[in-house]
N, C-alpha and C. Protein backbone atom coordinates (compact mmCIF):
# COMPACT_ATOMS: atom_id res chain seq x y z
N MET A 1 154.47 156.62 102.82
CA MET A 1 155.09 157.04 104.10
C MET A 1 156.60 157.04 103.96
N LEU A 2 157.30 158.04 104.34
CA LEU A 2 158.70 158.11 104.36
C LEU A 2 159.23 157.79 105.76
N ILE A 3 159.99 156.75 105.90
CA ILE A 3 160.40 156.21 107.17
C ILE A 3 161.90 156.25 107.36
N TYR A 4 162.32 156.69 108.55
CA TYR A 4 163.69 156.76 108.98
C TYR A 4 163.95 155.76 110.07
N LEU A 5 164.76 154.79 109.89
CA LEU A 5 165.15 153.79 110.96
C LEU A 5 166.51 154.18 111.51
N ASN A 6 166.60 154.38 112.78
CA ASN A 6 167.91 154.73 113.31
C ASN A 6 168.79 153.42 113.43
N LEU A 7 170.04 153.52 113.82
CA LEU A 7 170.90 152.40 113.71
C LEU A 7 170.46 151.28 114.62
N CYS A 8 169.93 151.59 115.83
CA CYS A 8 169.54 150.55 116.69
C CYS A 8 168.45 149.67 116.06
N CYS A 9 167.55 150.25 115.28
CA CYS A 9 166.58 149.52 114.58
C CYS A 9 167.14 148.64 113.47
N LEU A 10 168.10 149.25 112.74
CA LEU A 10 168.77 148.50 111.66
C LEU A 10 169.56 147.34 112.18
N ASN A 11 170.07 147.45 113.40
CA ASN A 11 170.84 146.40 114.01
C ASN A 11 169.98 145.34 114.82
N ARG A 12 168.68 145.68 115.04
CA ARG A 12 167.87 144.83 115.94
C ARG A 12 167.76 143.39 115.43
N PRO A 13 167.65 143.14 114.13
CA PRO A 13 167.61 141.77 113.69
C PRO A 13 168.88 140.93 114.03
N PHE A 14 169.94 141.58 114.35
CA PHE A 14 171.14 140.85 114.73
C PHE A 14 171.31 140.67 116.20
N ASP A 15 170.44 141.16 116.99
CA ASP A 15 170.52 141.05 118.45
C ASP A 15 169.98 139.72 118.91
N ASP A 16 170.31 139.41 120.16
CA ASP A 16 169.86 138.12 120.76
C ASP A 16 168.29 138.04 120.77
N GLN A 17 167.74 137.08 120.02
CA GLN A 17 166.33 137.01 119.83
C GLN A 17 165.60 136.23 120.93
N THR A 18 166.26 135.87 122.05
CA THR A 18 165.65 135.10 123.11
C THR A 18 164.69 136.00 123.94
N GLN A 19 164.91 137.27 123.94
CA GLN A 19 164.02 138.16 124.74
C GLN A 19 162.83 138.47 123.81
N PRO A 20 161.58 138.38 124.34
CA PRO A 20 160.41 138.65 123.51
C PRO A 20 160.39 140.01 122.83
N ARG A 21 160.71 141.10 123.57
CA ARG A 21 160.71 142.45 123.10
C ARG A 21 161.67 142.53 121.91
N ILE A 22 162.84 142.03 122.07
CA ILE A 22 163.81 142.17 120.96
C ILE A 22 163.35 141.36 119.76
N LYS A 23 162.79 140.20 120.01
CA LYS A 23 162.29 139.41 118.81
C LYS A 23 161.18 140.16 118.10
N LEU A 24 160.25 140.75 118.82
CA LEU A 24 159.12 141.51 118.24
C LEU A 24 159.64 142.68 117.48
N GLU A 25 160.63 143.41 118.08
CA GLU A 25 161.16 144.56 117.38
C GLU A 25 161.90 144.15 116.10
N ALA A 26 162.61 143.03 116.14
CA ALA A 26 163.31 142.55 115.00
C ALA A 26 162.37 142.18 113.92
N GLU A 27 161.24 141.55 114.26
CA GLU A 27 160.17 141.18 113.25
C GLU A 27 159.57 142.42 112.66
N ALA A 28 159.35 143.43 113.51
CA ALA A 28 158.78 144.69 113.01
C ALA A 28 159.71 145.35 112.01
N VAL A 29 161.04 145.36 112.32
CA VAL A 29 161.99 145.95 111.41
C VAL A 29 162.04 145.20 110.11
N HIS A 30 161.86 143.87 110.11
CA HIS A 30 161.74 143.05 108.88
C HIS A 30 160.61 143.46 108.05
N PHE A 31 159.44 143.67 108.73
CA PHE A 31 158.23 144.10 108.00
C PHE A 31 158.45 145.45 107.39
N ILE A 32 159.05 146.33 108.10
CA ILE A 32 159.26 147.69 107.61
C ILE A 32 160.21 147.65 106.34
N LEU A 33 161.35 146.91 106.50
CA LEU A 33 162.28 146.79 105.38
C LEU A 33 161.64 146.10 104.18
N GLN A 34 160.81 145.17 104.42
CA GLN A 34 160.05 144.47 103.34
C GLN A 34 159.16 145.49 102.63
N SER A 35 158.51 146.30 103.42
CA SER A 35 157.58 147.22 102.79
C SER A 35 158.22 148.36 102.02
N THR A 36 159.54 148.55 102.24
CA THR A 36 160.27 149.62 101.60
C THR A 36 161.18 149.04 100.48
N SER A 37 161.15 147.74 100.28
CA SER A 37 161.98 147.13 99.23
C SER A 37 161.59 147.60 97.87
N ALA A 38 162.56 147.50 96.99
CA ALA A 38 162.33 147.88 95.58
C ALA A 38 161.34 147.01 94.86
N LEU A 39 161.19 145.72 95.41
CA LEU A 39 160.20 144.83 94.82
C LEU A 39 158.76 145.15 95.15
N GLN A 40 158.54 145.75 96.37
CA GLN A 40 157.20 145.99 96.87
C GLN A 40 157.13 147.30 97.66
N PRO A 41 157.35 148.43 96.95
CA PRO A 41 157.55 149.68 97.67
C PRO A 41 156.26 150.33 98.17
N ALA A 42 155.67 149.79 99.25
CA ALA A 42 154.50 150.44 99.82
C ALA A 42 154.89 151.75 100.52
N HIS A 43 156.06 151.84 101.05
CA HIS A 43 156.63 152.91 101.79
C HIS A 43 158.05 153.16 101.32
N GLN A 44 158.63 154.34 101.70
CA GLN A 44 159.99 154.70 101.29
C GLN A 44 160.85 154.73 102.54
N LEU A 45 162.13 154.30 102.34
CA LEU A 45 163.08 154.37 103.48
C LEU A 45 164.08 155.59 103.25
N CYS A 46 164.32 156.30 104.31
CA CYS A 46 165.24 157.43 104.26
C CYS A 46 166.50 157.10 105.00
N GLY A 47 167.63 157.48 104.44
CA GLY A 47 168.90 157.31 105.04
C GLY A 47 169.66 158.62 105.23
N SER A 48 170.86 158.56 105.85
CA SER A 48 171.59 159.85 106.02
C SER A 48 173.00 159.53 106.17
N HIS A 49 173.81 160.60 106.10
CA HIS A 49 175.22 160.51 106.34
C HIS A 49 175.53 160.17 107.77
N ALA A 50 174.66 160.56 108.68
CA ALA A 50 174.77 160.26 110.11
C ALA A 50 174.70 158.68 110.35
N LEU A 51 173.77 158.05 109.61
CA LEU A 51 173.68 156.57 109.69
C LEU A 51 174.93 155.90 109.17
N GLU A 52 175.48 156.38 108.11
CA GLU A 52 176.65 155.84 107.47
C GLU A 52 177.81 155.94 108.42
N ILE A 53 177.96 157.12 109.08
CA ILE A 53 179.07 157.37 110.02
C ILE A 53 178.93 156.50 111.19
N GLU A 54 177.79 156.47 111.81
CA GLU A 54 177.59 155.63 112.99
C GLU A 54 177.74 154.12 112.71
N ASN A 55 177.24 153.67 111.52
CA ASN A 55 177.37 152.32 111.14
C ASN A 55 178.85 151.98 110.96
N GLY A 56 179.64 152.89 110.43
CA GLY A 56 181.06 152.67 110.18
C GLY A 56 181.83 152.36 111.53
N GLN A 57 181.26 152.76 112.64
CA GLN A 57 181.87 152.48 113.97
C GLN A 57 181.39 151.13 114.56
N THR A 58 180.59 150.35 113.85
CA THR A 58 180.20 149.12 114.30
C THR A 58 181.32 148.15 114.15
N PRO A 59 181.74 147.57 115.35
CA PRO A 59 182.91 146.67 115.31
C PRO A 59 182.65 145.32 114.58
N ASN A 60 181.46 144.80 114.60
CA ASN A 60 181.15 143.53 114.03
C ASN A 60 181.04 143.72 112.46
N GLU A 61 181.92 143.11 111.78
CA GLU A 61 181.94 143.28 110.32
C GLU A 61 180.74 142.84 109.57
N PHE A 62 180.14 141.71 110.01
CA PHE A 62 178.87 141.20 109.39
C PHE A 62 177.78 142.16 109.58
N ARG A 63 177.59 142.69 110.84
CA ARG A 63 176.52 143.64 111.07
C ARG A 63 176.77 144.93 110.26
N ARG A 64 177.98 145.43 110.32
CA ARG A 64 178.26 146.64 109.58
C ARG A 64 177.97 146.52 108.11
N ASN A 65 178.43 145.45 107.52
CA ASN A 65 178.18 145.21 106.09
C ASN A 65 176.70 144.98 105.74
N SER A 66 176.08 144.32 106.57
CA SER A 66 174.59 144.01 106.33
C SER A 66 173.83 145.32 106.40
N VAL A 67 174.13 146.18 107.37
CA VAL A 67 173.42 147.49 107.53
C VAL A 67 173.86 148.40 106.32
N ALA A 68 175.09 148.34 105.96
CA ALA A 68 175.54 149.19 104.84
C ALA A 68 174.81 148.79 103.55
N ALA A 69 174.49 147.55 103.40
CA ALA A 69 173.76 147.07 102.21
C ALA A 69 172.41 147.64 102.20
N VAL A 70 171.70 147.74 103.38
CA VAL A 70 170.42 148.32 103.46
C VAL A 70 170.49 149.79 103.26
N LEU A 71 171.49 150.47 103.70
CA LEU A 71 171.65 151.91 103.48
C LEU A 71 171.82 152.24 102.01
N LYS A 72 172.44 151.34 101.27
CA LYS A 72 172.65 151.61 99.81
C LYS A 72 171.33 151.50 99.05
N GLN A 73 170.26 150.94 99.69
CA GLN A 73 169.00 150.79 99.01
C GLN A 73 167.90 151.88 99.29
N VAL A 74 168.31 152.81 100.17
CA VAL A 74 167.32 153.83 100.61
C VAL A 74 166.78 154.63 99.41
N SER A 75 165.54 155.08 99.50
CA SER A 75 164.91 155.82 98.44
C SER A 75 165.40 157.36 98.54
N VAL A 76 165.53 157.80 99.79
CA VAL A 76 165.94 159.18 99.99
C VAL A 76 167.19 159.24 100.84
N ARG A 77 168.22 159.89 100.54
CA ARG A 77 169.40 160.04 101.36
C ARG A 77 169.57 161.54 101.69
N VAL A 78 169.62 161.82 102.99
CA VAL A 78 169.80 163.23 103.42
C VAL A 78 171.35 163.44 103.60
N PRO A 79 171.91 164.32 102.81
CA PRO A 79 173.34 164.62 103.01
C PRO A 79 173.58 165.55 104.17
N HIS A 80 174.86 165.50 104.62
CA HIS A 80 175.24 166.34 105.73
C HIS A 80 175.39 167.84 105.24
N ASP A 81 174.95 168.77 106.06
CA ASP A 81 175.17 170.17 105.82
C ASP A 81 175.08 170.96 107.09
N ASP A 82 175.40 172.23 107.01
CA ASP A 82 175.48 173.09 108.18
C ASP A 82 174.14 173.20 108.87
N SER A 83 173.01 173.20 108.19
CA SER A 83 171.76 173.27 108.80
C SER A 83 171.42 172.09 109.66
N LEU A 84 171.91 170.93 109.25
CA LEU A 84 171.76 169.74 110.08
C LEU A 84 172.54 169.83 111.39
N ASP A 85 173.78 170.35 111.24
CA ASP A 85 174.56 170.62 112.50
C ASP A 85 173.83 171.55 113.47
N GLN A 86 173.29 172.61 112.92
CA GLN A 86 172.55 173.62 113.82
C GLN A 86 171.39 172.94 114.49
N ARG A 87 170.62 172.18 113.70
CA ARG A 87 169.43 171.54 114.28
C ARG A 87 169.83 170.48 115.31
N ALA A 88 170.84 169.73 115.01
CA ALA A 88 171.34 168.76 115.93
C ALA A 88 171.82 169.36 117.25
N VAL A 89 172.35 170.52 117.25
CA VAL A 89 172.80 171.22 118.41
C VAL A 89 171.54 171.62 119.22
N GLU A 90 170.54 172.16 118.57
CA GLU A 90 169.25 172.54 119.18
C GLU A 90 168.67 171.26 119.92
N LEU A 91 168.63 170.17 119.16
CA LEU A 91 168.03 168.91 119.67
C LEU A 91 168.88 168.35 120.84
N ASN A 92 170.16 168.54 120.75
CA ASN A 92 171.05 168.12 121.83
C ASN A 92 170.73 168.89 123.07
N ARG A 93 170.45 170.17 122.96
CA ARG A 93 170.08 170.99 124.16
C ARG A 93 168.73 170.59 124.76
N LEU A 94 167.91 169.91 123.85
CA LEU A 94 166.62 169.45 124.42
C LEU A 94 166.75 168.10 125.13
N GLY A 95 167.93 167.51 125.11
CA GLY A 95 168.19 166.26 125.82
C GLY A 95 168.43 165.09 124.92
N PHE A 96 168.61 165.27 123.66
CA PHE A 96 168.83 164.09 122.80
C PHE A 96 170.40 163.89 122.77
N GLN A 97 170.77 162.67 122.77
CA GLN A 97 172.16 162.21 122.61
C GLN A 97 172.72 162.61 121.18
N SER A 98 173.99 162.67 121.05
CA SER A 98 174.60 163.16 119.83
C SER A 98 174.12 162.55 118.51
N PHE A 99 174.24 161.23 118.36
CA PHE A 99 173.79 160.60 117.14
C PHE A 99 172.24 160.71 117.00
N ASP A 100 171.52 160.52 118.16
CA ASP A 100 170.05 160.62 118.12
C ASP A 100 169.68 162.02 117.60
N ALA A 101 170.34 163.09 117.98
CA ALA A 101 170.05 164.41 117.58
C ALA A 101 170.26 164.50 116.02
N TYR A 102 171.36 163.94 115.59
CA TYR A 102 171.68 164.00 114.12
C TYR A 102 170.65 163.15 113.36
N HIS A 103 170.21 161.96 113.81
CA HIS A 103 169.19 161.15 113.08
C HIS A 103 167.91 161.93 113.08
N LEU A 104 167.55 162.57 114.13
CA LEU A 104 166.30 163.30 114.21
C LEU A 104 166.33 164.49 113.26
N ALA A 105 167.47 165.26 113.24
CA ALA A 105 167.68 166.35 112.36
C ALA A 105 167.57 165.90 110.89
N ALA A 106 168.19 164.77 110.58
CA ALA A 106 168.18 164.21 109.22
C ALA A 106 166.77 163.84 108.79
N ALA A 107 166.08 163.16 109.70
CA ALA A 107 164.70 162.78 109.41
C ALA A 107 163.77 163.99 109.10
N GLU A 108 163.99 165.02 109.94
CA GLU A 108 163.23 166.24 109.72
C GLU A 108 163.56 166.92 108.32
N ALA A 109 164.87 166.98 108.09
CA ALA A 109 165.35 167.58 106.87
C ALA A 109 164.87 166.81 105.63
N GLY A 110 164.80 165.52 105.81
CA GLY A 110 164.36 164.65 104.70
C GLY A 110 162.81 164.60 104.47
N GLY A 111 162.10 165.25 105.36
CA GLY A 111 160.68 165.26 105.28
C GLY A 111 160.02 163.90 105.72
N CYS A 112 160.69 163.20 106.51
CA CYS A 112 160.13 161.92 107.01
C CYS A 112 158.87 162.03 107.81
N ASP A 113 157.94 161.08 107.60
CA ASP A 113 156.72 161.03 108.35
C ASP A 113 157.02 160.43 109.70
N ARG A 114 157.87 159.38 109.80
CA ARG A 114 158.14 158.71 110.98
C ARG A 114 159.62 158.39 111.17
N LEU A 115 160.13 158.37 112.37
CA LEU A 115 161.46 157.90 112.76
C LEU A 115 161.31 156.75 113.77
N ALA A 116 161.78 155.61 113.46
CA ALA A 116 161.62 154.51 114.37
C ALA A 116 162.94 154.21 115.15
N THR A 117 162.84 153.93 116.41
CA THR A 117 164.01 153.61 117.23
C THR A 117 163.56 152.62 118.30
N CYS A 118 164.54 151.78 118.71
CA CYS A 118 164.35 150.82 119.77
C CYS A 118 164.91 151.41 121.07
N ASP A 119 165.42 152.54 121.02
CA ASP A 119 166.10 153.19 122.18
C ASP A 119 165.09 153.87 123.12
N ASP A 120 164.99 153.32 124.31
CA ASP A 120 164.00 153.89 125.21
C ASP A 120 164.27 155.30 125.67
N GLN A 121 165.56 155.65 125.83
CA GLN A 121 165.90 157.08 126.18
C GLN A 121 165.53 157.99 125.02
N PHE A 122 165.77 157.62 123.82
CA PHE A 122 165.38 158.41 122.66
C PHE A 122 163.93 158.62 122.63
N LEU A 123 163.13 157.50 122.79
CA LEU A 123 161.70 157.55 122.82
C LEU A 123 161.19 158.51 123.88
N LYS A 124 161.75 158.47 125.12
CA LYS A 124 161.30 159.37 126.20
C LYS A 124 161.59 160.82 125.83
N ALA A 125 162.80 161.07 125.38
CA ALA A 125 163.12 162.43 124.92
C ALA A 125 162.19 162.93 123.88
N ALA A 126 161.93 162.08 122.89
CA ALA A 126 161.01 162.48 121.83
C ALA A 126 159.53 162.77 122.37
N LYS A 127 159.14 161.95 123.28
CA LYS A 127 157.78 162.18 123.88
C LYS A 127 157.73 163.55 124.63
N ARG A 128 158.84 163.74 125.42
CA ARG A 128 158.90 165.02 126.16
C ARG A 128 158.90 166.27 125.26
N ASN A 129 159.50 166.14 124.06
CA ASN A 129 159.71 167.19 123.24
C ASN A 129 158.87 167.20 121.91
N SER A 130 157.85 166.38 121.90
CA SER A 130 157.06 166.08 120.66
C SER A 130 156.56 167.34 120.00
N ALA A 131 156.19 168.41 120.75
CA ALA A 131 155.68 169.64 120.16
C ALA A 131 156.77 170.42 119.37
N LYS A 132 158.06 170.10 119.67
CA LYS A 132 159.23 170.83 119.09
C LYS A 132 159.80 170.04 117.92
N LEU A 133 159.22 168.81 117.64
CA LEU A 133 159.72 167.98 116.58
C LEU A 133 158.91 168.02 115.30
N LYS A 134 159.58 167.85 114.13
CA LYS A 134 158.88 167.88 112.91
C LYS A 134 158.60 166.45 112.35
N VAL A 135 158.86 165.46 113.13
CA VAL A 135 158.66 164.04 112.78
C VAL A 135 158.20 163.31 114.00
N ILE A 136 157.39 162.31 113.78
CA ILE A 136 156.84 161.44 114.87
C ILE A 136 157.89 160.37 115.11
N VAL A 137 158.32 160.18 116.43
CA VAL A 137 159.26 159.25 116.77
C VAL A 137 158.54 158.09 117.57
N LEU A 138 158.76 156.81 117.10
CA LEU A 138 158.10 155.76 117.70
C LEU A 138 158.91 154.46 117.63
N ASN A 139 158.49 153.45 118.38
CA ASN A 139 159.07 152.17 118.35
C ASN A 139 158.67 151.48 117.08
N PRO A 140 159.53 150.59 116.48
CA PRO A 140 159.13 149.94 115.25
C PRO A 140 157.86 149.06 115.34
N ILE A 141 157.57 148.51 116.50
CA ILE A 141 156.40 147.72 116.70
C ILE A 141 155.15 148.66 116.50
N ASP A 142 155.24 149.80 117.16
CA ASP A 142 154.09 150.76 117.03
C ASP A 142 153.94 151.24 115.63
N LEU A 143 155.14 151.40 114.85
CA LEU A 143 155.01 151.87 113.47
C LEU A 143 154.28 150.85 112.60
N VAL A 144 154.67 149.60 112.84
CA VAL A 144 154.03 148.47 112.08
C VAL A 144 152.54 148.44 112.37
N ASP A 145 152.20 148.61 113.63
CA ASP A 145 150.72 148.66 114.01
C ASP A 145 150.08 149.85 113.41
N GLU A 146 150.65 150.97 113.50
CA GLU A 146 150.09 152.22 113.01
C GLU A 146 149.86 152.20 111.49
N ALA A 147 150.87 151.71 110.78
CA ALA A 147 150.94 151.79 109.31
C ALA A 147 150.18 150.60 108.72
N GLY A 148 149.78 149.61 109.47
CA GLY A 148 149.06 148.47 109.05
C GLY A 148 149.80 147.64 108.00
N PHE A 149 151.08 147.38 108.28
CA PHE A 149 151.93 146.58 107.42
C PHE A 149 151.37 145.16 107.15
């Protein structure tokens, strides 16, 4: 399975773990990253130029560097091109926020099976538009459950 984790997923392990939902999502992200590691590649991780750009805007240097290290290990990297811009504009018109639209366009272009996000607005927009998307968008907890990690 080819998996795309958006930036909120990649940052989830660094969030305050006192809230049960955040702790569960962080554990799910750890499972996903473990299953896509070079040591035990049960699945593949997809990255993109959009992830690198958005991560570069992260003010916390430790978070930014930690996520950058993960992005260097992706199996598939989707480069930026005009077709991604066009698809992101279409997705934006469907109600997806800017970076969400780019992440979704990149996941589609990369042939990803799943895109995981912790963002409730992103999940709602994806559910509303599921028939118009070429990738399944879900929460990392649901991905772990579905894929049987």
